[in-house]
Each structure stands twice: as C-alpha cells, then as structure tokens.
C-alpha cells in the first residue's frame, strides 16, 4: 500500500475484507469519552481502542478495491480538520439504544468526507447516498431503552457534555474482523492531512 503503514498486514490481503475509513481519536478525547460511557445507563460500551469518527464504511471489499482506495487516499491533499463535539445524542427514538458523541458539521470536515466518499466510489464501492452525520459511537444495545433507563438516558442526551475537541491530522484505513467477542479493528495504512499554514 502507498499510504504510511500503521501496522504491517500479513501479505497477501484476504480476498475480501470488511473495511472502513476513519479519523482516529487522540488519547485525551478517548479518555473523556470513556468517562461518559461509564455514566450511561444502557447498552454495551464500544471498547476504547475502537472509538473513531467514521468517514466511510466500505463493507466487504476485495484486495483490488483496497489497493485502488489506497492509491486514491495517497493522492488526497486536504488540510488538517478541527473536530468539535456537540454533546451526546441518539438516532430517532433511541433506536437500538445506540448512543453517540455528536460532532459539529464544518465545511472542512464535510468536504473531507465528500472527498473520501468520492475515492471509495471511484474504486467501485457502492456507498449509500445519505447525509453525512459525523459522530463517535459510544454505546450499542440490541433493544430500545425503556422505563427509568430511558428517562435517565434522555436527560443525559439533553445536557451538554464536556468533550475535548482535537485537530485531525491523519486519515486511517481500517480492516475489521467480526468475532463472537466483538469486532477486532486493524489499522492497515494512514494518510497524513496537510498542516495548515502558519
């Protein structure tokens, strides 16, 4: 791969791999998100090492497709992006008890996501054409919260949460393996964003 290899993957790649493209979360922000997870009344916490901001979920893709995506991301010239959080949120009616840290839309972030999506589509990935909703998933549950747990969660979703923002300086291409214990993510390659002019 042309990108800066974050972790050497055994060659050759599997014929098909579940993959996605993300902005990694720095340690200070991860620690703050973990503290919020411990206070949430429902669901299973996403492991700290799996916290990230997804730019494009690729699904099951071939080795050839990954190579094309790698070439496209290696040629992507985009400035580092400031990430600002807007507190905790959930999808409609707290669907499946999924809770996330909402990330503020900015022209720079939305533009980067559009570029990454264009790279994936050019490589043949059939990405759904829906509005980008930037977030970091914190909790997952197989069922919608009810009763007191739902009320406590609703109160937390309505409050502002102190989550330190950060400047994203890299894009990372991840492979993912599903196991009975949960997903195992492996960084395949990272791609530096350009430093803003001084």
N, C-alpha and C. Protein backbone atom coordinates (compact mmCIF):
# COMPACT_ATOMS: atom_id res chain seq x y z
N UNK A 1 0.83 -1.19 0.00
CA UNK A 1 0.00 0.00 0.00
C UNK A 1 0.86 1.25 0.00
N UNK A 2 0.39 2.30 -0.64
CA UNK A 2 1.17 3.53 -0.74
C UNK A 2 1.11 4.37 0.52
N UNK A 3 0.00 4.28 1.27
CA UNK A 3 -0.14 5.07 2.48
C UNK A 3 0.91 4.69 3.51
N UNK A 4 1.09 5.56 4.49
CA UNK A 4 2.01 5.26 5.58
C UNK A 4 1.43 4.10 6.37
N UNK A 5 2.10 2.96 6.38
CA UNK A 5 1.56 1.77 7.00
C UNK A 5 1.55 1.95 8.51
N UNK A 6 0.37 1.84 9.11
CA UNK A 6 0.22 1.98 10.54
C UNK A 6 0.56 0.67 11.25
N UNK A 7 0.27 -0.45 10.59
CA UNK A 7 0.56 -1.75 11.15
C UNK A 7 0.68 -2.69 9.97
N UNK A 8 1.78 -3.40 9.91
CA UNK A 8 2.03 -4.26 8.76
C UNK A 8 1.01 -5.39 8.71
N UNK A 9 0.30 -5.48 7.61
CA UNK A 9 -0.68 -6.54 7.45
C UNK A 9 -0.02 -7.72 6.74
N UNK A 10 -0.28 -8.96 7.20
CA UNK A 10 0.33 -10.12 6.54
C UNK A 10 -0.06 -10.16 5.07
N UNK A 11 0.90 -10.36 4.20
CA UNK A 11 0.62 -10.43 2.77
C UNK A 11 0.34 -11.89 2.39
N UNK A 12 -0.52 -12.15 1.42
CA UNK A 12 -1.38 -11.15 0.78
C UNK A 12 -2.61 -10.86 1.63
N UNK A 13 -3.33 -9.78 1.27
CA UNK A 13 -4.59 -9.49 1.95
C UNK A 13 -5.60 -10.60 1.65
N UNK A 14 -6.55 -10.81 2.57
CA UNK A 14 -7.64 -11.75 2.26
C UNK A 14 -8.35 -11.30 0.99
N UNK A 15 -8.95 -12.25 0.30
CA UNK A 15 -9.64 -11.92 -0.94
C UNK A 15 -10.74 -10.89 -0.70
N UNK A 16 -11.38 -10.96 0.48
CA UNK A 16 -12.42 -9.99 0.83
C UNK A 16 -12.20 -9.57 2.27
N UNK A 17 -12.33 -8.28 2.53
CA UNK A 17 -12.12 -7.75 3.88
C UNK A 17 -13.15 -6.70 4.20
N UNK A 18 -13.67 -6.71 5.40
CA UNK A 18 -14.57 -5.66 5.89
C UNK A 18 -13.70 -4.47 6.26
N UNK A 19 -14.01 -3.31 5.71
CA UNK A 19 -13.10 -2.17 5.87
C UNK A 19 -13.86 -0.86 6.01
N UNK A 20 -13.18 0.13 6.55
CA UNK A 20 -13.77 1.46 6.69
C UNK A 20 -12.65 2.48 6.84
N UNK A 21 -13.00 3.75 6.62
CA UNK A 21 -12.03 4.86 6.64
C UNK A 21 -12.45 5.82 7.75
N UNK A 22 -11.50 6.20 8.62
CA UNK A 22 -11.86 6.96 9.81
C UNK A 22 -10.88 8.10 10.08
N UNK A 23 -11.31 8.97 10.99
CA UNK A 23 -10.41 9.88 11.69
C UNK A 23 -10.17 9.28 13.07
N UNK A 24 -8.92 9.00 13.44
CA UNK A 24 -8.65 8.44 14.76
C UNK A 24 -8.85 9.49 15.85
N UNK A 25 -9.12 9.00 17.06
CA UNK A 25 -9.39 9.86 18.21
C UNK A 25 -8.15 9.89 19.11
N UNK A 26 -7.63 11.06 19.48
CA UNK A 26 -6.45 11.11 20.36
C UNK A 26 -6.78 10.67 21.79
N UNK A 27 -5.73 10.39 22.55
CA UNK A 27 -5.89 9.80 23.88
C UNK A 27 -6.72 10.67 24.82
N UNK A 28 -6.48 11.98 24.84
CA UNK A 28 -7.21 12.85 25.77
C UNK A 28 -8.71 12.79 25.51
N UNK A 29 -9.09 12.82 24.24
CA UNK A 29 -10.50 12.77 23.88
C UNK A 29 -11.08 11.39 24.16
N UNK A 30 -10.31 10.34 23.86
CA UNK A 30 -10.76 8.99 24.15
C UNK A 30 -11.04 8.79 25.63
N UNK A 31 -10.16 9.33 26.48
CA UNK A 31 -10.35 9.20 27.93
C UNK A 31 -11.63 9.89 28.37
N UNK A 32 -11.92 11.06 27.82
CA UNK A 32 -13.16 11.79 28.16
C UNK A 32 -14.38 11.01 27.70
N UNK A 33 -14.31 10.42 26.51
CA UNK A 33 -15.43 9.63 26.00
C UNK A 33 -15.66 8.38 26.86
N UNK A 34 -14.56 7.77 27.32
CA UNK A 34 -14.69 6.58 28.17
C UNK A 34 -15.38 6.93 29.50
N UNK A 35 -15.08 8.11 30.03
CA UNK A 35 -15.75 8.52 31.27
C UNK A 35 -17.25 8.70 31.04
N UNK A 36 -17.62 9.23 29.89
CA UNK A 36 -19.04 9.37 29.57
C UNK A 36 -19.70 8.01 29.42
N UNK A 37 -19.01 7.08 28.78
CA UNK A 37 -19.56 5.74 28.62
C UNK A 37 -19.92 5.12 29.96
N UNK A 38 -19.05 5.29 30.95
CA UNK A 38 -19.26 4.65 32.25
C UNK A 38 -20.50 5.20 32.96
N UNK A 39 -20.95 6.38 32.57
CA UNK A 39 -22.11 7.00 33.22
C UNK A 39 -23.42 6.74 32.48
N UNK A 40 -23.35 6.15 31.29
CA UNK A 40 -24.57 5.93 30.52
C UNK A 40 -25.30 4.68 31.02
N UNK A 41 -26.63 4.76 31.13
CA UNK A 41 -27.39 3.69 31.80
C UNK A 41 -27.75 2.49 30.93
N UNK A 42 -27.48 2.53 29.63
CA UNK A 42 -27.93 1.44 28.76
C UNK A 42 -26.82 1.04 27.80
N UNK A 43 -26.93 -0.18 27.30
CA UNK A 43 -26.08 -0.61 26.22
C UNK A 43 -24.72 -1.12 26.64
N UNK A 44 -23.97 -1.58 25.65
CA UNK A 44 -22.61 -2.07 25.82
C UNK A 44 -21.65 -1.05 25.25
N UNK A 45 -20.64 -0.69 26.04
CA UNK A 45 -19.70 0.34 25.62
C UNK A 45 -18.82 -0.16 24.48
N UNK A 46 -18.61 0.69 23.49
CA UNK A 46 -17.63 0.41 22.44
C UNK A 46 -16.24 0.45 23.10
N UNK A 47 -15.39 -0.56 22.90
CA UNK A 47 -14.06 -0.54 23.50
C UNK A 47 -13.28 0.73 23.11
N UNK A 48 -12.50 1.23 24.06
CA UNK A 48 -11.76 2.48 23.81
C UNK A 48 -10.93 2.42 22.54
N UNK A 49 -10.31 1.27 22.28
CA UNK A 49 -9.45 1.16 21.11
C UNK A 49 -10.23 1.18 19.80
N UNK A 50 -11.56 1.03 19.90
CA UNK A 50 -12.39 1.04 18.69
C UNK A 50 -13.13 2.36 18.49
N UNK A 51 -12.91 3.35 19.35
CA UNK A 51 -13.56 4.65 19.17
C UNK A 51 -12.93 5.39 18.00
N UNK A 52 -13.77 5.90 17.10
CA UNK A 52 -13.26 6.62 15.93
C UNK A 52 -14.42 7.39 15.30
N UNK A 53 -14.09 8.27 14.39
CA UNK A 53 -15.08 9.02 13.62
C UNK A 53 -15.05 8.46 12.19
N UNK A 54 -16.11 7.76 11.83
CA UNK A 54 -16.14 7.11 10.51
C UNK A 54 -16.42 8.13 9.41
N UNK A 55 -15.58 8.09 8.38
CA UNK A 55 -15.80 8.91 7.18
C UNK A 55 -16.51 8.11 6.10
N UNK A 56 -16.20 6.82 6.01
CA UNK A 56 -16.86 5.96 5.01
C UNK A 56 -16.75 4.51 5.45
N UNK A 57 -17.91 3.84 5.58
CA UNK A 57 -17.92 2.41 5.84
C UNK A 57 -17.98 1.70 4.50
N UNK A 58 -16.98 0.90 4.19
CA UNK A 58 -16.84 0.31 2.87
C UNK A 58 -17.54 -1.04 2.74
N UNK A 59 -17.84 -1.69 3.87
CA UNK A 59 -18.41 -3.02 3.82
C UNK A 59 -17.35 -4.04 3.42
N UNK A 60 -17.79 -5.13 2.80
CA UNK A 60 -16.86 -6.18 2.35
C UNK A 60 -16.28 -5.79 1.00
N UNK A 61 -14.96 -5.61 0.96
CA UNK A 61 -14.31 -5.18 -0.28
C UNK A 61 -13.14 -6.11 -0.60
N UNK A 62 -12.80 -6.17 -1.87
CA UNK A 62 -11.72 -7.05 -2.32
C UNK A 62 -10.36 -6.39 -2.14
N UNK A 63 -9.34 -7.21 -2.25
CA UNK A 63 -7.96 -6.69 -2.17
C UNK A 63 -7.72 -5.65 -3.27
N UNK A 64 -8.22 -5.91 -4.48
CA UNK A 64 -8.03 -4.97 -5.59
C UNK A 64 -8.70 -3.63 -5.29
N UNK A 65 -9.89 -3.69 -4.68
CA UNK A 65 -10.59 -2.44 -4.33
C UNK A 65 -9.82 -1.68 -3.26
N UNK A 66 -9.29 -2.39 -2.27
CA UNK A 66 -8.48 -1.74 -1.23
C UNK A 66 -7.27 -1.05 -1.83
N UNK A 67 -6.64 -1.70 -2.82
CA UNK A 67 -5.47 -1.09 -3.46
C UNK A 67 -5.86 0.19 -4.19
N UNK A 68 -7.01 0.19 -4.85
CA UNK A 68 -7.46 1.40 -5.55
C UNK A 68 -7.78 2.51 -4.56
N UNK A 69 -8.41 2.16 -3.44
CA UNK A 69 -8.72 3.15 -2.41
C UNK A 69 -7.42 3.70 -1.82
N UNK A 70 -6.46 2.82 -1.60
CA UNK A 70 -5.17 3.26 -1.08
C UNK A 70 -4.52 4.28 -2.02
N UNK A 71 -4.55 4.02 -3.30
CA UNK A 71 -3.97 4.96 -4.26
C UNK A 71 -4.70 6.30 -4.22
N UNK A 72 -6.03 6.24 -4.13
CA UNK A 72 -6.80 7.47 -4.10
C UNK A 72 -6.55 8.29 -2.84
N UNK A 73 -6.47 7.63 -1.70
CA UNK A 73 -6.23 8.34 -0.44
C UNK A 73 -4.80 8.88 -0.39
N UNK A 74 -3.86 8.16 -1.00
CA UNK A 74 -2.48 8.63 -1.02
C UNK A 74 -2.34 9.93 -1.81
N UNK A 75 -3.22 10.13 -2.78
CA UNK A 75 -3.17 11.35 -3.59
C UNK A 75 -4.12 12.44 -3.10
N UNK A 76 -4.74 12.22 -1.94
CA UNK A 76 -5.70 13.19 -1.41
C UNK A 76 -4.96 14.31 -0.69
N UNK A 77 -5.14 15.53 -1.13
CA UNK A 77 -4.50 16.68 -0.49
C UNK A 77 -5.58 17.51 0.19
N UNK A 78 -5.61 17.43 1.52
CA UNK A 78 -6.64 18.12 2.29
C UNK A 78 -6.04 18.58 3.61
N UNK A 79 -6.38 19.77 4.06
CA UNK A 79 -5.79 20.26 5.32
C UNK A 79 -6.31 19.52 6.55
N UNK A 80 -5.52 19.56 7.61
CA UNK A 80 -5.96 19.02 8.90
C UNK A 80 -7.29 19.67 9.29
N UNK A 81 -8.13 18.89 9.99
CA UNK A 81 -9.50 19.31 10.27
C UNK A 81 -9.71 19.43 11.78
N UNK A 82 -10.29 20.55 12.20
CA UNK A 82 -10.63 20.71 13.61
C UNK A 82 -11.94 19.99 13.91
N UNK A 83 -11.93 19.16 14.96
CA UNK A 83 -13.10 18.40 15.37
C UNK A 83 -13.66 18.99 16.66
N UNK A 84 -14.94 19.36 16.64
CA UNK A 84 -15.61 19.94 17.80
C UNK A 84 -16.84 19.08 18.11
N UNK A 85 -17.04 18.76 19.38
CA UNK A 85 -18.16 17.92 19.79
C UNK A 85 -19.33 18.77 20.27
N UNK A 86 -20.54 18.27 20.02
CA UNK A 86 -21.77 18.96 20.41
C UNK A 86 -22.57 18.18 21.45
N UNK A 87 -21.91 17.33 22.24
CA UNK A 87 -22.60 16.60 23.28
C UNK A 87 -23.07 15.23 22.83
N UNK A 88 -23.92 14.60 23.64
CA UNK A 88 -24.40 13.24 23.37
C UNK A 88 -25.72 13.28 22.61
N UNK A 89 -25.93 12.24 21.82
CA UNK A 89 -27.15 12.17 21.02
C UNK A 89 -27.46 10.71 20.71
N UNK A 90 -28.63 10.48 20.11
CA UNK A 90 -29.04 9.15 19.67
C UNK A 90 -29.86 9.32 18.40
N UNK A 91 -30.01 8.23 17.66
CA UNK A 91 -30.82 8.31 16.47
C UNK A 91 -32.31 8.30 16.85
N UNK A 92 -33.18 8.36 15.87
CA UNK A 92 -34.61 8.51 16.11
C UNK A 92 -35.13 7.53 17.14
N UNK A 93 -35.81 8.08 18.17
CA UNK A 93 -36.44 7.27 19.22
C UNK A 93 -35.44 6.32 19.88
N UNK A 94 -34.17 6.79 19.99
CA UNK A 94 -33.14 5.99 20.67
C UNK A 94 -33.06 4.58 20.07
N UNK A 95 -33.09 4.51 18.76
CA UNK A 95 -33.10 3.23 18.06
C UNK A 95 -31.98 2.32 18.55
N UNK A 96 -32.35 1.11 18.96
CA UNK A 96 -31.43 0.08 19.43
C UNK A 96 -30.58 0.55 20.61
N UNK A 97 -30.95 1.65 21.24
CA UNK A 97 -30.16 2.13 22.36
C UNK A 97 -28.79 2.63 21.97
N UNK A 98 -28.60 2.93 20.69
CA UNK A 98 -27.29 3.41 20.23
C UNK A 98 -27.11 4.87 20.65
N UNK A 99 -26.00 5.15 21.33
CA UNK A 99 -25.69 6.49 21.81
C UNK A 99 -24.34 6.91 21.23
N UNK A 100 -24.26 8.17 20.82
CA UNK A 100 -23.00 8.64 20.23
C UNK A 100 -22.68 10.06 20.69
N UNK A 101 -21.42 10.41 20.52
CA UNK A 101 -20.98 11.78 20.72
C UNK A 101 -21.11 12.49 19.38
N UNK A 102 -21.98 13.49 19.33
CA UNK A 102 -22.23 14.20 18.08
C UNK A 102 -21.07 15.15 17.77
N UNK A 103 -20.67 15.20 16.51
CA UNK A 103 -19.59 16.06 16.05
C UNK A 103 -20.18 17.17 15.19
N UNK A 104 -19.73 18.37 15.42
CA UNK A 104 -20.26 19.54 14.71
C UNK A 104 -19.88 19.51 13.23
N UNK A 105 -20.86 19.81 12.39
CA UNK A 105 -20.57 19.96 10.96
C UNK A 105 -19.72 21.20 10.74
N UNK A 106 -18.68 21.06 9.92
CA UNK A 106 -17.92 22.21 9.44
C UNK A 106 -17.68 22.00 7.94
N UNK A 107 -17.39 23.08 7.27
CA UNK A 107 -17.13 22.97 5.84
C UNK A 107 -15.92 22.07 5.58
N UNK A 108 -14.90 22.17 6.44
CA UNK A 108 -13.69 21.38 6.24
C UNK A 108 -13.97 19.89 6.44
N UNK A 109 -14.70 19.54 7.51
CA UNK A 109 -15.00 18.14 7.78
C UNK A 109 -15.92 17.55 6.72
N UNK A 110 -16.98 18.27 6.39
CA UNK A 110 -17.90 17.77 5.37
C UNK A 110 -17.21 17.62 4.01
N UNK A 111 -16.31 18.57 3.71
CA UNK A 111 -15.57 18.49 2.45
C UNK A 111 -14.64 17.29 2.41
N UNK A 112 -13.97 17.02 3.54
CA UNK A 112 -13.09 15.86 3.61
C UNK A 112 -13.89 14.57 3.43
N UNK A 113 -15.01 14.47 4.12
CA UNK A 113 -15.83 13.26 3.99
C UNK A 113 -16.29 13.06 2.55
N UNK A 114 -16.66 14.14 1.88
CA UNK A 114 -17.10 14.04 0.49
C UNK A 114 -15.96 13.55 -0.41
N UNK A 115 -14.75 14.03 -0.15
CA UNK A 115 -13.59 13.59 -0.93
C UNK A 115 -13.32 12.11 -0.71
N UNK A 116 -13.37 11.68 0.55
CA UNK A 116 -13.12 10.27 0.87
C UNK A 116 -14.20 9.39 0.22
N UNK A 117 -15.45 9.81 0.30
CA UNK A 117 -16.53 9.05 -0.33
C UNK A 117 -16.33 8.96 -1.84
N UNK A 118 -15.85 10.03 -2.45
CA UNK A 118 -15.60 10.02 -3.89
C UNK A 118 -14.50 9.03 -4.25
N UNK A 119 -13.46 8.95 -3.41
CA UNK A 119 -12.39 7.98 -3.64
C UNK A 119 -12.95 6.56 -3.58
N UNK A 120 -13.78 6.29 -2.57
CA UNK A 120 -14.37 4.95 -2.43
C UNK A 120 -15.26 4.60 -3.61
N UNK A 121 -16.10 5.54 -4.03
CA UNK A 121 -17.00 5.27 -5.16
C UNK A 121 -16.21 5.06 -6.45
N UNK A 122 -15.12 5.82 -6.63
CA UNK A 122 -14.29 5.67 -7.83
C UNK A 122 -13.65 4.28 -7.87
N UNK A 123 -13.46 3.68 -6.69
CA UNK A 123 -12.89 2.33 -6.62
C UNK A 123 -13.96 1.25 -6.76
N UNK A 124 -15.22 1.66 -6.91
CA UNK A 124 -16.29 0.71 -7.14
C UNK A 124 -17.13 0.37 -5.93
N UNK A 125 -16.91 1.07 -4.80
CA UNK A 125 -17.70 0.80 -3.59
C UNK A 125 -19.06 1.49 -3.71
N UNK A 126 -20.12 0.75 -3.45
CA UNK A 126 -21.47 1.30 -3.57
C UNK A 126 -21.90 1.90 -2.22
N UNK A 127 -21.41 3.10 -1.95
CA UNK A 127 -21.75 3.77 -0.70
C UNK A 127 -23.18 4.30 -0.77
N UNK A 128 -23.95 4.17 0.31
CA UNK A 128 -25.30 4.76 0.31
C UNK A 128 -25.21 6.28 0.22
N UNK A 129 -26.11 6.87 -0.52
CA UNK A 129 -26.09 8.33 -0.69
C UNK A 129 -27.03 8.96 0.33
N UNK A 130 -26.52 9.08 1.56
CA UNK A 130 -27.30 9.71 2.61
C UNK A 130 -26.46 10.80 3.25
N UNK A 131 -27.13 11.68 3.94
CA UNK A 131 -26.46 12.83 4.55
C UNK A 131 -25.46 12.37 5.60
N UNK A 132 -24.26 12.92 5.53
CA UNK A 132 -23.21 12.62 6.49
C UNK A 132 -23.60 13.18 7.86
N UNK A 133 -23.58 12.33 8.86
CA UNK A 133 -23.89 12.76 10.23
C UNK A 133 -22.69 12.38 11.11
N UNK A 134 -21.72 13.27 11.24
CA UNK A 134 -20.48 12.90 11.94
C UNK A 134 -20.71 12.62 13.42
N UNK A 135 -20.15 11.51 13.90
CA UNK A 135 -20.34 11.13 15.29
C UNK A 135 -19.33 10.06 15.67
N UNK A 136 -19.20 9.84 16.97
CA UNK A 136 -18.38 8.75 17.51
C UNK A 136 -19.32 7.87 18.34
N UNK A 137 -19.55 6.64 17.90
CA UNK A 137 -20.45 5.75 18.62
C UNK A 137 -19.84 5.34 19.96
N UNK A 138 -20.65 5.47 21.03
CA UNK A 138 -20.19 5.15 22.38
C UNK A 138 -20.80 3.87 22.92
N UNK A 139 -22.11 3.68 22.71
CA UNK A 139 -22.83 2.55 23.30
C UNK A 139 -23.72 1.90 22.24
N UNK A 140 -23.84 0.57 22.33
CA UNK A 140 -24.75 -0.16 21.47
C UNK A 140 -25.60 -1.11 22.31
N UNK A 141 -26.84 -1.27 21.90
CA UNK A 141 -27.73 -2.19 22.59
C UNK A 141 -28.62 -2.87 21.56
N UNK A 142 -29.04 -4.10 21.86
CA UNK A 142 -29.91 -4.82 20.93
C UNK A 142 -31.36 -4.40 21.02
N UNK A 143 -31.68 -3.59 22.04
CA UNK A 143 -33.07 -3.16 22.18
C UNK A 143 -33.14 -1.72 22.64
N UNK A 144 -34.26 -1.11 22.37
CA UNK A 144 -34.50 0.28 22.74
C UNK A 144 -34.69 0.39 24.25
N UNK A 145 -34.07 1.38 24.90
CA UNK A 145 -34.25 1.52 26.36
C UNK A 145 -35.68 1.88 26.71
N UNK A 146 -36.13 1.42 27.89
CA UNK A 146 -37.49 1.68 28.34
C UNK A 146 -37.49 2.07 29.81
N UNK A 147 -38.58 2.67 30.24
CA UNK A 147 -38.76 2.97 31.66
C UNK A 147 -37.73 3.93 32.21
N UNK A 148 -37.29 3.72 33.46
CA UNK A 148 -36.34 4.64 34.10
C UNK A 148 -35.03 4.79 33.34
N UNK A 149 -34.55 3.69 32.74
CA UNK A 149 -33.30 3.78 31.98
C UNK A 149 -33.45 4.74 30.80
N UNK A 150 -34.59 4.68 30.14
CA UNK A 150 -34.86 5.60 29.03
C UNK A 150 -34.90 7.04 29.54
N UNK A 151 -35.53 7.26 30.68
CA UNK A 151 -35.63 8.62 31.22
C UNK A 151 -34.26 9.18 31.60
N UNK A 152 -33.42 8.34 32.22
CA UNK A 152 -32.08 8.80 32.59
C UNK A 152 -31.25 9.10 31.35
N UNK A 153 -31.38 8.24 30.33
CA UNK A 153 -30.63 8.47 29.10
C UNK A 153 -31.10 9.75 28.42
N UNK A 154 -32.42 9.98 28.38
CA UNK A 154 -32.96 11.18 27.74
C UNK A 154 -32.43 12.43 28.42
N UNK A 155 -32.29 12.40 29.76
CA UNK A 155 -31.77 13.56 30.48
C UNK A 155 -30.31 13.81 30.13
N UNK A 156 -29.54 12.73 29.95
CA UNK A 156 -28.13 12.90 29.60
C UNK A 156 -27.96 13.39 28.16
N UNK A 157 -28.86 12.93 27.29
CA UNK A 157 -28.77 13.38 25.90
C UNK A 157 -29.10 14.86 25.78
N UNK A 158 -29.93 15.35 26.68
CA UNK A 158 -30.30 16.76 26.62
C UNK A 158 -29.29 17.70 27.23
N UNK A 159 -28.29 17.16 27.93
CA UNK A 159 -27.30 18.01 28.60
C UNK A 159 -26.04 18.14 27.75
N UNK A 160 -25.34 19.24 27.94
CA UNK A 160 -24.06 19.43 27.26
C UNK A 160 -22.99 18.59 27.94
N UNK A 161 -22.17 17.93 27.16
CA UNK A 161 -21.10 17.11 27.72
C UNK A 161 -19.75 17.75 27.38
N UNK A 162 -18.87 17.73 28.36
CA UNK A 162 -17.53 18.33 28.15
C UNK A 162 -16.64 17.30 27.47
N UNK A 163 -16.52 17.41 26.17
CA UNK A 163 -15.67 16.51 25.38
C UNK A 163 -14.62 17.36 24.67
N UNK A 164 -13.35 17.16 24.99
CA UNK A 164 -12.32 17.98 24.35
C UNK A 164 -12.22 17.69 22.85
N UNK A 165 -12.21 18.75 22.06
CA UNK A 165 -12.02 18.58 20.63
C UNK A 165 -10.56 18.34 20.29
N UNK A 166 -10.28 18.23 19.02
CA UNK A 166 -8.90 17.98 18.59
C UNK A 166 -8.75 18.34 17.12
N UNK A 167 -7.53 18.36 16.66
CA UNK A 167 -7.25 18.57 15.23
C UNK A 167 -6.88 17.22 14.62
N UNK A 168 -7.67 16.78 13.66
CA UNK A 168 -7.41 15.50 12.98
C UNK A 168 -6.33 15.72 11.93
N UNK A 169 -5.24 14.99 12.07
CA UNK A 169 -4.09 15.16 11.17
C UNK A 169 -3.83 13.95 10.29
N UNK A 170 -4.64 12.91 10.46
CA UNK A 170 -4.47 11.70 9.67
C UNK A 170 -5.83 11.09 9.36
N UNK A 171 -5.90 10.42 8.20
CA UNK A 171 -6.99 9.51 7.87
C UNK A 171 -6.42 8.10 8.01
N UNK A 172 -7.22 7.17 8.53
CA UNK A 172 -6.75 5.80 8.68
C UNK A 172 -7.71 4.84 7.98
N UNK A 173 -7.13 3.91 7.22
CA UNK A 173 -7.88 2.83 6.58
C UNK A 173 -7.79 1.61 7.51
N UNK A 174 -8.96 1.14 7.94
CA UNK A 174 -9.02 0.01 8.87
C UNK A 174 -9.62 -1.22 8.18
N UNK A 175 -9.12 -2.39 8.57
CA UNK A 175 -9.79 -3.65 8.30
C UNK A 175 -10.44 -4.11 9.58
N UNK A 176 -11.51 -4.87 9.48
CA UNK A 176 -12.25 -5.30 10.66
C UNK A 176 -12.64 -6.76 10.54
N UNK A 177 -12.44 -7.50 11.63
CA UNK A 177 -12.83 -8.90 11.70
C UNK A 177 -13.88 -9.07 12.79
N UNK A 178 -15.02 -9.64 12.45
CA UNK A 178 -16.08 -9.86 13.42
C UNK A 178 -15.83 -11.18 14.15
N UNK A 179 -15.87 -11.13 15.49
CA UNK A 179 -15.69 -12.32 16.31
C UNK A 179 -16.84 -12.38 17.32
N UNK A 180 -17.06 -13.54 17.96
CA UNK A 180 -18.11 -13.63 18.98
C UNK A 180 -17.94 -12.62 20.10
N UNK A 181 -16.68 -12.21 20.36
CA UNK A 181 -16.42 -11.25 21.43
C UNK A 181 -16.54 -9.81 20.97
N UNK A 182 -16.76 -9.60 19.67
CA UNK A 182 -16.85 -8.25 19.14
C UNK A 182 -15.90 -8.05 17.97
N UNK A 183 -15.95 -6.87 17.38
CA UNK A 183 -15.12 -6.57 16.21
C UNK A 183 -13.68 -6.29 16.62
N UNK A 184 -12.75 -6.81 15.83
CA UNK A 184 -11.33 -6.52 16.01
C UNK A 184 -10.90 -5.65 14.83
N UNK A 185 -10.47 -4.42 15.13
CA UNK A 185 -10.06 -3.49 14.08
C UNK A 185 -8.55 -3.49 13.94
N UNK A 186 -8.11 -3.44 12.70
CA UNK A 186 -6.67 -3.42 12.40
C UNK A 186 -6.37 -2.26 11.46
N UNK A 187 -5.48 -1.37 11.89
CA UNK A 187 -5.08 -0.25 11.03
C UNK A 187 -4.20 -0.77 9.90
N UNK A 188 -4.64 -0.57 8.67
CA UNK A 188 -3.90 -1.03 7.51
C UNK A 188 -2.92 0.02 7.00
N UNK A 189 -3.35 1.27 6.97
CA UNK A 189 -2.49 2.35 6.49
C UNK A 189 -3.06 3.68 6.94
N UNK A 190 -2.21 4.68 7.10
CA UNK A 190 -2.68 6.02 7.45
C UNK A 190 -2.16 7.01 6.43
N UNK A 191 -2.88 8.11 6.30
CA UNK A 191 -2.61 9.12 5.27
C UNK A 191 -2.62 10.49 5.93
N UNK A 192 -1.47 11.17 5.96
CA UNK A 192 -1.41 12.46 6.65
C UNK A 192 -2.20 13.54 5.92
N UNK A 193 -2.88 14.36 6.69
CA UNK A 193 -3.51 15.57 6.16
C UNK A 193 -2.49 16.70 6.23
N UNK A 194 -2.69 17.71 5.44
CA UNK A 194 -1.72 18.79 5.36
C UNK A 194 -1.84 19.71 6.57
N UNK A 195 -0.71 20.14 7.11
CA UNK A 195 -0.72 21.10 8.19
C UNK A 195 -1.17 22.46 7.66
N UNK A 196 -2.04 23.16 8.39
CA UNK A 196 -2.47 24.50 7.94
C UNK A 196 -1.29 25.45 7.95
N UNK A 197 -1.29 26.44 7.06
CA UNK A 197 -0.19 27.40 7.03
C UNK A 197 -0.09 28.17 8.33
N UNK A 198 1.12 28.48 8.74
CA UNK A 198 1.35 29.21 9.99
C UNK A 198 0.86 30.65 9.85
